[in-house]
Amino acid sequence: MIIYNVTLNVDDSIHSEWLTWMQQTHIPEVLATGMFQSAKILRLLTRQADETGETYAVQYLAKNMQDYFSYQEQFAPALQQKTLDKYGNKLLAFRTLMEEVSPIK
């Protein structure tokens, strides 16, 4: 399983609107590409003393690297631009790619 993780720091002034948009618009659009099996939003509970805004990790699960690469080539630029156009510098995002090694039971 491949996990495409997008960590975002969201300005307080757009936080509520952004979260609704992610749940109702953006994540459904990403899933509609067919490149990911599921997605989830996680909110970080800890923060640095001087940190502002809310920080989230949005995780998308892909079956394999080919699906991830297809997403990056065919869909990511337009979807990321749409987010940038809507929220501009009110968001700070960085992306990481992880692979599930083994579940622990």
C-alpha atoms as a PDB file:
ATOM      1  CA  MET A   1       0.000   0.000   0.000  1.00  0.00           C
ATOM      2  CA  ILE A   2       1.282   3.459  -0.936  1.00  0.00           C
ATOM      3  CA  ILE A   3       0.313   6.455   1.199  1.00  0.00           C
ATOM      4  CA  TYR A   4       0.434   9.887  -0.387  1.00  0.00           C
ATOM      5  CA  ASN A   5       0.493  12.290   2.547  1.00  0.00           C
ATOM      6  CA  VAL A   6      -0.199  16.011   2.209  1.00  0.00           C
ATOM      7  CA  THR A   7       0.532  17.995   5.375  1.00  0.00           C
ATOM      8  CA  LEU A   8      -1.050  21.441   5.438  1.00  0.00           C
ATOM      9  CA  ASN A   9      -0.932  24.370   7.791  1.00  0.00           C
ATOM     10  CA  VAL A  10      -4.185  26.285   7.337  1.00  0.00           C
ATOM     11  CA  ASP A  11      -4.604  29.936   8.290  1.00  0.00           C
ATOM     12  CA  ASP A  12      -7.236  30.470  10.984  1.00  0.00           C
ATOM     13  CA  SER A  13      -9.133  32.915   8.745  1.00  0.00           C
ATOM     14  CA  ILE A  14     -10.054  30.150   6.256  1.00  0.00           C
ATOM     15  CA  HIS A  15      -9.959  27.087   8.475  1.00  0.00           C
ATOM     16  CA  SER A  16     -13.671  26.219   8.602  1.00  0.00           C
ATOM     17  CA  GLU A  17     -14.308  26.978   4.934  1.00  0.00           C
ATOM     18  CA  TRP A  18     -11.206  25.032   3.872  1.00  0.00           C
ATOM     19  CA  LEU A  19     -12.164  21.944   5.893  1.00  0.00           C
ATOM     20  CA  THR A  20     -15.656  21.876   4.377  1.00  0.00           C
ATOM     21  CA  TRP A  21     -14.202  22.371   0.887  1.00  0.00           C
ATOM     22  CA  MET A  22     -11.744  19.517   1.425  1.00  0.00           C
ATOM     23  CA  GLN A  23     -14.482  17.160   2.621  1.00  0.00           C
ATOM     24  CA  GLN A  24     -17.108  18.070   0.035  1.00  0.00           C
ATOM     25  CA  THR A  25     -15.089  19.088  -3.035  1.00  0.00           C
ATOM     26  CA  HIS A  26     -11.348  18.487  -3.160  1.00  0.00           C
ATOM     27  CA  ILE A  27     -11.015  14.999  -1.706  1.00  0.00           C
ATOM     28  CA  PRO A  28     -13.984  13.685  -3.738  1.00  0.00           C
ATOM     29  CA  GLU A  29     -12.302  15.121  -6.869  1.00  0.00           C
ATOM     30  CA  VAL A  30      -9.020  13.392  -6.016  1.00  0.00           C
ATOM     31  CA  LEU A  31     -10.808  10.081  -5.366  1.00  0.00           C
ATOM     32  CA  ALA A  32     -12.772  10.469  -8.614  1.00  0.00           C
ATOM     33  CA  THR A  33      -9.485  10.155 -10.523  1.00  0.00           C
ATOM     34  CA  GLY A  34      -9.580   6.447  -9.675  1.00  0.00           C
ATOM     35  CA  MET A  35      -5.949   6.480  -8.574  1.00  0.00           C
ATOM     36  CA  PHE A  36      -6.645   6.171  -4.848  1.00  0.00           C
ATOM     37  CA  GLN A  37      -8.732   3.676  -2.894  1.00  0.00           C
ATOM     38  CA  SER A  38      -9.530   5.923   0.052  1.00  0.00           C
ATOM     39  CA  ALA A  39      -8.579   9.081   1.910  1.00  0.00           C
ATOM     40  CA  LYS A  40      -8.667  10.412   5.423  1.00  0.00           C
ATOM     41  CA  ILE A  41      -8.077  13.731   7.135  1.00  0.00           C
ATOM     42  CA  LEU A  42      -6.130  13.887  10.380  1.00  0.00           C
ATOM     43  CA  ARG A  43      -5.702  16.982  12.555  1.00  0.00           C
ATOM     44  CA  LEU A  44      -2.472  17.404  14.471  1.00  0.00           C
ATOM     45  CA  LEU A  45      -3.141  17.894  18.170  1.00  0.00           C
ATOM     46  CA  THR A  46       0.294  19.180  19.120  1.00  0.00           C
ATOM     47  CA  ARG A  47       1.848  22.426  17.997  1.00  0.00           C
ATOM     48  CA  GLN A  48       4.898  24.545  18.669  1.00  0.00           C
ATOM     49  CA  ALA A  49       4.488  27.544  20.980  1.00  0.00           C
ATOM     50  CA  ASP A  50       4.910  30.040  18.127  1.00  0.00           C
ATOM     51  CA  GLU A  51       2.829  28.106  15.568  1.00  0.00           C
ATOM     52  CA  THR A  52      -0.338  29.627  14.162  1.00  0.00           C
ATOM     53  CA  GLY A  53      -3.193  28.072  12.225  1.00  0.00           C
ATOM     54  CA  GLU A  54      -4.350  24.476  12.229  1.00  0.00           C
ATOM     55  CA  THR A  55      -2.240  21.652  10.830  1.00  0.00           C
ATOM     56  CA  TYR A  56      -3.709  18.652   9.037  1.00  0.00           C
ATOM     57  CA  ALA A  57      -2.419  15.560   7.297  1.00  0.00           C
ATOM     58  CA  VAL A  58      -4.514  14.309   4.410  1.00  0.00           C
ATOM     59  CA  GLN A  59      -3.653  10.740   3.461  1.00  0.00           C
ATOM     60  CA  TYR A  60      -4.587   9.087   0.187  1.00  0.00           C
ATOM     61  CA  LEU A  61      -4.119   5.318  -0.209  1.00  0.00           C
ATOM     62  CA  ALA A  62      -2.992   3.951  -3.574  1.00  0.00           C
ATOM     63  CA  LYS A  63      -2.697   0.281  -4.505  1.00  0.00           C
ATOM     64  CA  ASN A  64       0.714   0.736  -6.104  1.00  0.00           C
ATOM     65  CA  MET A  65       3.324   3.207  -7.319  1.00  0.00           C
ATOM     66  CA  GLN A  66       1.933   3.181 -10.855  1.00  0.00           C
ATOM     67  CA  ASP A  67      -1.388   4.599  -9.632  1.00  0.00           C
ATOM     68  CA  TYR A  68       0.474   7.280  -7.682  1.00  0.00           C
ATOM     69  CA  PHE A  69       2.636   8.198 -10.697  1.00  0.00           C
ATOM     70  CA  SER A  70      -0.422   8.291 -12.944  1.00  0.00           C
ATOM     71  CA  TYR A  71      -2.094  10.663 -10.505  1.00  0.00           C
ATOM     72  CA  GLN A  72       0.980  12.906 -10.408  1.00  0.00           C
ATOM     73  CA  GLU A  73       1.255  13.043 -14.193  1.00  0.00           C
ATOM     74  CA  GLN A  74      -2.397  13.285 -15.188  1.00  0.00           C
ATOM     75  CA  PHE A  75      -4.269  14.982 -12.343  1.00  0.00           C
ATOM     76  CA  ALA A  76      -2.114  16.551  -9.608  1.00  0.00           C
ATOM     77  CA  PRO A  77      -1.035  19.742 -11.403  1.00  0.00           C
ATOM     78  CA  ALA A  78      -4.600  20.884 -12.143  1.00  0.00           C
ATOM     79  CA  LEU A  79      -5.955  19.933  -8.710  1.00  0.00           C
ATOM     80  CA  GLN A  80      -3.069  21.604  -6.892  1.00  0.00           C
ATOM     81  CA  GLN A  81      -3.492  24.739  -9.010  1.00  0.00           C
ATOM     82  CA  LYS A  82      -7.188  24.810  -8.160  1.00  0.00           C
ATOM     83  CA  THR A  83      -6.285  24.799  -4.451  1.00  0.00           C
ATOM     84  CA  LEU A  84      -3.660  27.499  -4.940  1.00  0.00           C
ATOM     85  CA  ASP A  85      -6.119  29.663  -6.881  1.00  0.00           C
ATOM     86  CA  LYS A  86      -8.731  29.322  -4.153  1.00  0.00           C
ATOM     87  CA  TYR A  87      -6.574  29.804  -1.038  1.00  0.00           C
ATOM     88  CA  GLY A  88      -3.255  31.289  -2.176  1.00  0.00           C
ATOM     89  CA  ASN A  89      -0.826  31.941   0.653  1.00  0.00           C
ATOM     90  CA  LYS A  90      -3.380  31.011   3.346  1.00  0.00           C
ATOM     91  CA  LEU A  91      -2.086  27.416   3.091  1.00  0.00           C
ATOM     92  CA  LEU A  92       1.351  25.932   3.439  1.00  0.00           C
ATOM     93  CA  ALA A  93       1.618  22.367   2.155  1.00  0.00           C
ATOM     94  CA  PHE A  94       4.291  19.732   1.829  1.00  0.00           C
ATOM     95  CA  ARG A  95       3.915  16.278   0.381  1.00  0.00           C
ATOM     96  CA  THR A  96       5.480  12.958   1.333  1.00  0.00           C
ATOM     97  CA  LEU A  97       5.177   9.451  -0.007  1.00  0.00           C
ATOM     98  CA  MET A  98       5.169   6.429   2.279  1.00  0.00           C
ATOM     99  CA  GLU A  99       4.911   2.699   1.865  1.00  0.00           C
ATOM    100  CA  GLU A 100       3.242   0.420   4.373  1.00  0.00           C
ATOM    101  CA  VAL A 101       5.853  -2.110   5.453  1.00  0.00           C
ATOM    102  CA  SER A 102       3.726  -4.395   7.566  1.00  0.00           C
ATOM    103  CA  PRO A 103       0.728  -4.078   9.834  1.00  0.00           C
ATOM    104  CA  ILE A 104       1.347  -4.665  13.537  1.00  0.00           C
ATOM    105  CA  LYS A 105      -1.274  -6.665  15.368  1.00  0.00           C
END
